[in-house]
């Protein structure tokens, strides 16, 4: 499965790396792509990932939110 979200608050490459690392750690996630421009987060997973789990992972990475 693939899903795309918008992450708000990222300002640099470090932000992208932190969000990528935290989202990749979610069980079942097989691939993550995060782009600074536009704040796109695309994840691929074996099964649907609970939106609240994605929000938690992004918040763990820093002062970011998922829209």
PDB file of N, CA and C in Angstrom:
ATOM      1  N   UNK A   1       0.838  -1.170   0.000  1.00  0.00           N
ATOM      2  CA  UNK A   1       0.000   0.000   0.000  1.00  0.00           C
ATOM      3  C   UNK A   1       0.888   1.240   0.000  1.00  0.00           C
ATOM      4  N   UNK A   2       0.371   2.302  -0.588  1.00  0.00           N
ATOM      5  CA  UNK A   2       1.117   3.558  -0.620  1.00  0.00           C
ATOM      6  C   UNK A   2       0.182   4.687  -0.197  1.00  0.00           C
ATOM      7  N   UNK A   3       0.724   5.615   0.595  1.00  0.00           N
ATOM      8  CA  UNK A   3      -0.053   6.771   1.054  1.00  0.00           C
ATOM      9  C   UNK A   3       0.847   7.997   1.035  1.00  0.00           C
ATOM     10  N   UNK A   4       0.242   9.157   0.766  1.00  0.00           N
ATOM     11  CA  UNK A   4       0.989  10.408   0.726  1.00  0.00           C
ATOM     12  C   UNK A   4       0.354  11.406   1.677  1.00  0.00           C
ATOM     13  N   UNK A   5       1.198  12.110   2.414  1.00  0.00           N
ATOM     14  CA  UNK A   5       0.766  13.108   3.387  1.00  0.00           C
ATOM     15  C   UNK A   5       1.595  14.369   3.203  1.00  0.00           C
ATOM     16  N   UNK A   6       1.154  15.450   3.805  1.00  0.00           N
ATOM     17  CA  UNK A   6       1.909  16.693   3.802  1.00  0.00           C
ATOM     18  C   UNK A   6       2.426  16.937   5.211  1.00  0.00           C
ATOM     19  N   UNK A   7       3.728  17.159   5.328  1.00  0.00           N
ATOM     20  CA  UNK A   7       4.354  17.456   6.615  1.00  0.00           C
ATOM     21  C   UNK A   7       4.644  18.951   6.653  1.00  0.00           C
ATOM     22  N   UNK A   8       4.156  19.612   7.669  1.00  0.00           N
ATOM     23  CA  UNK A   8       4.369  21.049   7.815  1.00  0.00           C
ATOM     24  C   UNK A   8       5.450  21.306   8.859  1.00  0.00           C
ATOM     25  N   UNK A   9       6.275  22.327   8.609  1.00  0.00           N
ATOM     26  CA  UNK A   9       7.277  22.735   9.578  1.00  0.00           C
ATOM     27  C   UNK A   9       8.701  22.349   9.223  1.00  0.00           C
ATOM     28  N   UNK A  10       8.891  21.579   8.159  1.00  0.00           N
ATOM     29  CA  UNK A  10      10.253  21.207   7.769  1.00  0.00           C
ATOM     30  C   UNK A  10      10.912  22.385   7.053  1.00  0.00           C
ATOM     31  N   UNK A  11      12.192  22.636   7.393  1.00  0.00           N
ATOM     32  CA  UNK A  11      12.891  23.774   6.803  1.00  0.00           C
ATOM     33  C   UNK A  11      14.247  23.427   6.185  1.00  0.00           C
ATOM     34  N   UNK A  12      14.722  22.186   6.380  1.00  0.00           N
ATOM     35  CA  UNK A  12      16.060  21.846   5.896  1.00  0.00           C
ATOM     36  C   UNK A  12      16.201  20.343   5.684  1.00  0.00           C
ATOM     37  N   UNK A  13      17.356  19.960   5.185  1.00  0.00           N
ATOM     38  CA  UNK A  13      17.647  18.554   4.951  1.00  0.00           C
ATOM     39  C   UNK A  13      17.657  17.728   6.221  1.00  0.00           C
ATOM     40  N   UNK A  14      18.072  18.324   7.323  1.00  0.00           N
ATOM     41  CA  UNK A  14      18.050  17.609   8.607  1.00  0.00           C
ATOM     42  C   UNK A  14      16.623  17.239   8.975  1.00  0.00           C
ATOM     43  N   UNK A  15      15.687  18.144   8.735  1.00  0.00           N
ATOM     44  CA  UNK A  15      14.270  17.878   9.000  1.00  0.00           C
ATOM     45  C   UNK A  15      13.794  16.665   8.203  1.00  0.00           C
ATOM     46  N   UNK A  16      14.149  16.645   6.924  1.00  0.00           N
ATOM     47  CA  UNK A  16      13.764  15.552   6.042  1.00  0.00           C
ATOM     48  C   UNK A  16      14.341  14.237   6.558  1.00  0.00           C
ATOM     49  N   UNK A  17      15.611  14.236   6.945  1.00  0.00           N
ATOM     50  CA  UNK A  17      16.258  13.024   7.449  1.00  0.00           C
ATOM     51  C   UNK A  17      15.608  12.535   8.738  1.00  0.00           C
ATOM     52  N   UNK A  18      15.279  13.457   9.635  1.00  0.00           N
ATOM     53  CA  UNK A  18      14.672  13.078  10.916  1.00  0.00           C
ATOM     54  C   UNK A  18      13.286  12.468  10.705  1.00  0.00           C
ATOM     55  N   UNK A  19      12.479  13.084   9.856  1.00  0.00           N
ATOM     56  CA  UNK A  19      11.139  12.561   9.578  1.00  0.00           C
ATOM     57  C   UNK A  19      11.245  11.195   8.901  1.00  0.00           C
ATOM     58  N   UNK A  20      12.136  11.071   7.939  1.00  0.00           N
ATOM     59  CA  UNK A  20      12.323   9.803   7.239  1.00  0.00           C
ATOM     60  C   UNK A  20      12.690   8.697   8.216  1.00  0.00           C
ATOM     61  N   UNK A  21      13.633   8.965   9.097  1.00  0.00           N
ATOM     62  CA  UNK A  21      14.084   7.958  10.063  1.00  0.00           C
ATOM     63  C   UNK A  21      12.951   7.500  10.984  1.00  0.00           C
ATOM     64  N   UNK A  22      12.191   8.440  11.509  1.00  0.00           N
ATOM     65  CA  UNK A  22      11.113   8.084  12.436  1.00  0.00           C
ATOM     66  C   UNK A  22       9.995   7.313  11.743  1.00  0.00           C
ATOM     67  N   UNK A  23       9.630   7.719  10.545  1.00  0.00           N
ATOM     68  CA  UNK A  23       8.538   7.031   9.838  1.00  0.00           C
ATOM     69  C   UNK A  23       8.985   5.636   9.396  1.00  0.00           C
ATOM     70  N   UNK A  24      10.243   5.482   8.986  1.00  0.00           N
ATOM     71  CA  UNK A  24      10.752   4.163   8.602  1.00  0.00           C
ATOM     72  C   UNK A  24      10.704   3.173   9.763  1.00  0.00           C
ATOM     73  N   UNK A  25      10.735   3.677  10.984  1.00  0.00           N
ATOM     74  CA  UNK A  25      10.736   2.817  12.165  1.00  0.00           C
ATOM     75  C   UNK A  25       9.347   2.264  12.494  1.00  0.00           C
ATOM     76  N   UNK A  26       8.312   2.749  11.828  1.00  0.00           N
ATOM     77  CA  UNK A  26       6.961   2.240  12.082  1.00  0.00           C
ATOM     78  C   UNK A  26       6.877   0.811  11.544  1.00  0.00           C
ATOM     79  N   UNK A  27       6.413  -0.122  12.374  1.00  0.00           N
ATOM     80  CA  UNK A  27       6.287  -1.512  11.912  1.00  0.00           C
ATOM     81  C   UNK A  27       5.408  -1.612  10.662  1.00  0.00           C
ATOM     82  N   UNK A  28       5.890  -2.353   9.679  1.00  0.00           N
ATOM     83  CA  UNK A  28       5.141  -2.561   8.451  1.00  0.00           C
ATOM     84  C   UNK A  28       5.507  -1.610   7.331  1.00  0.00           C
ATOM     85  N   UNK A  29       6.181  -0.500   7.664  1.00  0.00           N
ATOM     86  CA  UNK A  29       6.588   0.459   6.640  1.00  0.00           C
ATOM     87  C   UNK A  29       7.807  -0.107   5.916  1.00  0.00           C
ATOM     88  N   UNK A  30       7.726  -0.154   4.582  1.00  0.00           N
ATOM     89  CA  UNK A  30       8.809  -0.739   3.799  1.00  0.00           C
ATOM     90  C   UNK A  30       9.636   0.305   3.056  1.00  0.00           C
ATOM     91  N   UNK A  31       9.063   1.494   2.822  1.00  0.00           N
ATOM     92  CA  UNK A  31       9.801   2.539   2.122  1.00  0.00           C
ATOM     93  C   UNK A  31       9.209   3.893   2.483  1.00  0.00           C
ATOM     94  N   UNK A  32      10.075   4.908   2.554  1.00  0.00           N
ATOM     95  CA  UNK A  32       9.642   6.271   2.875  1.00  0.00           C
ATOM     96  C   UNK A  32      10.388   7.238   1.973  1.00  0.00           C
ATOM     97  N   UNK A  33       9.652   8.191   1.398  1.00  0.00           N
ATOM     98  CA  UNK A  33      10.254   9.269   0.632  1.00  0.00           C
ATOM     99  C   UNK A  33       9.707  10.575   1.179  1.00  0.00           C
ATOM    100  N   UNK A  34      10.608  11.473   1.583  1.00  0.00           N
ATOM    101  CA  UNK A  34      10.213  12.775   2.105  1.00  0.00           C
ATOM    102  C   UNK A  34      10.910  13.843   1.272  1.00  0.00           C
ATOM    103  N   UNK A  35      10.138  14.821   0.804  1.00  0.00           N
ATOM    104  CA  UNK A  35      10.723  15.930   0.050  1.00  0.00           C
ATOM    105  C   UNK A  35      10.487  17.229   0.794  1.00  0.00           C
ATOM    106  N   UNK A  36      11.506  18.061   0.824  1.00  0.00           N
ATOM    107  CA  UNK A  36      11.410  19.341   1.520  1.00  0.00           C
ATOM    108  C   UNK A  36      10.438  20.269   0.798  1.00  0.00           C
ATOM    109  N   UNK A  37      10.613  20.391  -0.509  1.00  0.00           N
ATOM    110  CA  UNK A  37       9.733  21.261  -1.284  1.00  0.00           C
ATOM    111  C   UNK A  37       8.338  20.653  -1.327  1.00  0.00           C
ATOM    112  N   UNK A  38       7.389  21.360  -0.776  1.00  0.00           N
ATOM    113  CA  UNK A  38       6.025  20.864  -0.722  1.00  0.00           C
ATOM    114  C   UNK A  38       5.739  19.996   0.482  1.00  0.00           C
ATOM    115  N   UNK A  39       6.775  19.575   1.198  1.00  0.00           N
ATOM    116  CA  UNK A  39       6.588  18.784   2.413  1.00  0.00           C
ATOM    117  C   UNK A  39       5.907  17.451   2.187  1.00  0.00           C
ATOM    118  N   UNK A  40       6.188  16.807   1.069  1.00  0.00           N
ATOM    119  CA  UNK A  40       5.527  15.541   0.757  1.00  0.00           C
ATOM    120  C   UNK A  40       6.180  14.369   1.487  1.00  0.00           C
ATOM    121  N   UNK A  41       5.355  13.556   2.117  1.00  0.00           N
ATOM    122  CA  UNK A  41       5.775  12.309   2.759  1.00  0.00           C
ATOM    123  C   UNK A  41       5.005  11.191   2.079  1.00  0.00           C
ATOM    124  N   UNK A  42       5.725  10.307   1.413  1.00  0.00           N
ATOM    125  CA  UNK A  42       5.088   9.150   0.782  1.00  0.00           C
ATOM    126  C   UNK A  42       5.650   7.905   1.434  1.00  0.00           C
ATOM    127  N   UNK A  43       4.753   7.048   1.912  1.00  0.00           N
ATOM    128  CA  UNK A  43       5.219   5.815   2.533  1.00  0.00           C
ATOM    129  C   UNK A  43       4.583   4.623   1.849  1.00  0.00           C
ATOM    130  N   UNK A  44       5.339   3.547   1.819  1.00  0.00           N
ATOM    131  CA  UNK A  44       4.870   2.277   1.300  1.00  0.00           C
ATOM    132  C   UNK A  44       4.890   1.299   2.459  1.00  0.00           C
ATOM    133  N   UNK A  45       3.831   0.506   2.569  1.00  0.00           N
ATOM    134  CA  UNK A  45       3.743  -0.423   3.691  1.00  0.00           C
ATOM    135  C   UNK A  45       3.080  -1.727   3.258  1.00  0.00           C
ATOM    136  N   UNK A  46       3.263  -2.737   4.095  1.00  0.00           N
ATOM    137  CA  UNK A  46       2.666  -4.044   3.844  1.00  0.00           C
ATOM    138  C   UNK A  46       1.157  -4.018   4.051  1.00  0.00           C
ATOM    139  N   UNK A  47       0.710  -3.186   4.980  1.00  0.00           N
ATOM    140  CA  UNK A  47      -0.704  -3.078   5.340  1.00  0.00           C
ATOM    141  C   UNK A  47      -0.983  -1.613   5.685  1.00  0.00           C
ATOM    142  N   UNK A  48      -2.239  -1.235   5.776  1.00  0.00           N
ATOM    143  CA  UNK A  48      -2.544   0.156   6.144  1.00  0.00           C
ATOM    144  C   UNK A  48      -1.884   0.530   7.475  1.00  0.00           C
ATOM    145  N   UNK A  49      -1.348   1.747   7.538  1.00  0.00           N
ATOM    146  CA  UNK A  49      -0.719   2.250   8.756  1.00  0.00           C
ATOM    147  C   UNK A  49      -1.675   3.260   9.379  1.00  0.00           C
ATOM    148  N   UNK A  50      -1.930   3.108  10.668  1.00  0.00           N
ATOM    149  CA  UNK A  50      -2.823   4.009  11.386  1.00  0.00           C
ATOM    150  C   UNK A  50      -2.311   5.445  11.307  1.00  0.00           C
ATOM    151  N   UNK A  51      -3.177   6.370  10.922  1.00  0.00           N
ATOM    152  CA  UNK A  51      -2.790   7.769  10.763  1.00  0.00           C
ATOM    153  C   UNK A  51      -2.197   8.334  12.055  1.00  0.00           C
ATOM    154  N   UNK A  52      -2.759   7.973  13.199  1.00  0.00           N
ATOM    155  CA  UNK A  52      -2.242   8.470  14.479  1.00  0.00           C
ATOM    156  C   UNK A  52      -0.797   8.034  14.694  1.00  0.00           C
ATOM    157  N   UNK A  53      -0.435   6.856  14.218  1.00  0.00           N
ATOM    158  CA  UNK A  53       0.947   6.378  14.358  1.00  0.00           C
ATOM    159  C   UNK A  53       1.889   7.219  13.509  1.00  0.00           C
ATOM    160  N   UNK A  54       1.431   7.629  12.331  1.00  0.00           N
ATOM    161  CA  UNK A  54       2.236   8.496  11.475  1.00  0.00           C
ATOM    162  C   UNK A  54       2.414   9.858  12.133  1.00  0.00           C
ATOM    163  N   UNK A  55       1.341  10.402  12.683  1.00  0.00           N
ATOM    164  CA  UNK A  55       1.403  11.697  13.374  1.00  0.00           C
ATOM    165  C   UNK A  55       2.397  11.630  14.524  1.00  0.00           C
ATOM    166  N   UNK A  56       2.359  10.544  15.306  1.00  0.00           N
ATOM    167  CA  UNK A  56       3.284  10.376  16.434  1.00  0.00           C
ATOM    168  C   UNK A  56       4.734  10.323  15.953  1.00  0.00           C
ATOM    169  N   UNK A  57       4.987   9.574  14.892  1.00  0.00           N
ATOM    170  CA  UNK A  57       6.354   9.428  14.386  1.00  0.00           C
ATOM    171  C   UNK A  57       6.894  10.764  13.893  1.00  0.00           C
ATOM    172  N   UNK A  58       6.069  11.515  13.175  1.00  0.00           N
ATOM    173  CA  UNK A  58       6.497  12.814  12.666  1.00  0.00           C
ATOM    174  C   UNK A  58       6.763  13.776  13.829  1.00  0.00           C
ATOM    175  N   UNK A  59       5.937  13.746  14.855  1.00  0.00           N
ATOM    176  CA  UNK A  59       6.136  14.598  16.027  1.00  0.00           C
ATOM    177  C   UNK A  59       7.409  14.215  16.774  1.00  0.00           C
ATOM    178  N   UNK A  60       7.734  12.921  16.797  1.00  0.00           N
ATOM    179  CA  UNK A  60       8.974  12.461  17.431  1.00  0.00           C
ATOM    180  C   UNK A  60      10.196  13.032  16.721  1.00  0.00           C
ATOM    181  N   UNK A  61      10.087  13.265  15.429  1.00  0.00           N
ATOM    182  CA  UNK A  61      11.207  13.774  14.641  1.00  0.00           C
ATOM    183  C   UNK A  61      11.501  15.231  14.949  1.00  0.00           C
ATOM    184  N   UNK A  62      10.528  15.976  15.432  1.00  0.00           N
ATOM    185  CA  UNK A  62      10.732  17.386  15.722  1.00  0.00           C
ATOM    186  C   UNK A  62       9.416  18.130  15.769  1.00  0.00           C
ATOM    187  N   UNK A  63       9.483  19.418  15.636  1.00  0.00           N
ATOM    188  CA  UNK A  63       8.293  20.272  15.735  1.00  0.00           C
ATOM    189  C   UNK A  63       7.587  20.336  14.369  1.00  0.00           C
ATOM    190  N   UNK A  64       7.081  19.190  13.930  1.00  0.00           N
ATOM    191  CA  UNK A  64       6.427  19.082  12.639  1.00  0.00           C
ATOM    192  C   UNK A  64       5.019  18.525  12.839  1.00  0.00           C
ATOM    193  N   UNK A  65       4.159  18.767  11.862  1.00  0.00           N
ATOM    194  CA  UNK A  65       2.803  18.222  11.932  1.00  0.00           C
ATOM    195  C   UNK A  65       2.423  17.657  10.575  1.00  0.00           C
ATOM    196  N   UNK A  66       1.470  16.746  10.590  1.00  0.00           N
ATOM    197  CA  UNK A  66       0.985  16.112   9.378  1.00  0.00           C
ATOM    198  C   UNK A  66      -0.383  16.685   9.055  1.00  0.00           C
ATOM    199  N   UNK A  67      -0.522  17.134   7.818  1.00  0.00           N
ATOM    200  CA  UNK A  67      -1.801  17.701   7.407  1.00  0.00           C
ATOM    201  C   UNK A  67      -2.518  16.724   6.493  1.00  0.00           C
TER     202      UNK A  67
END
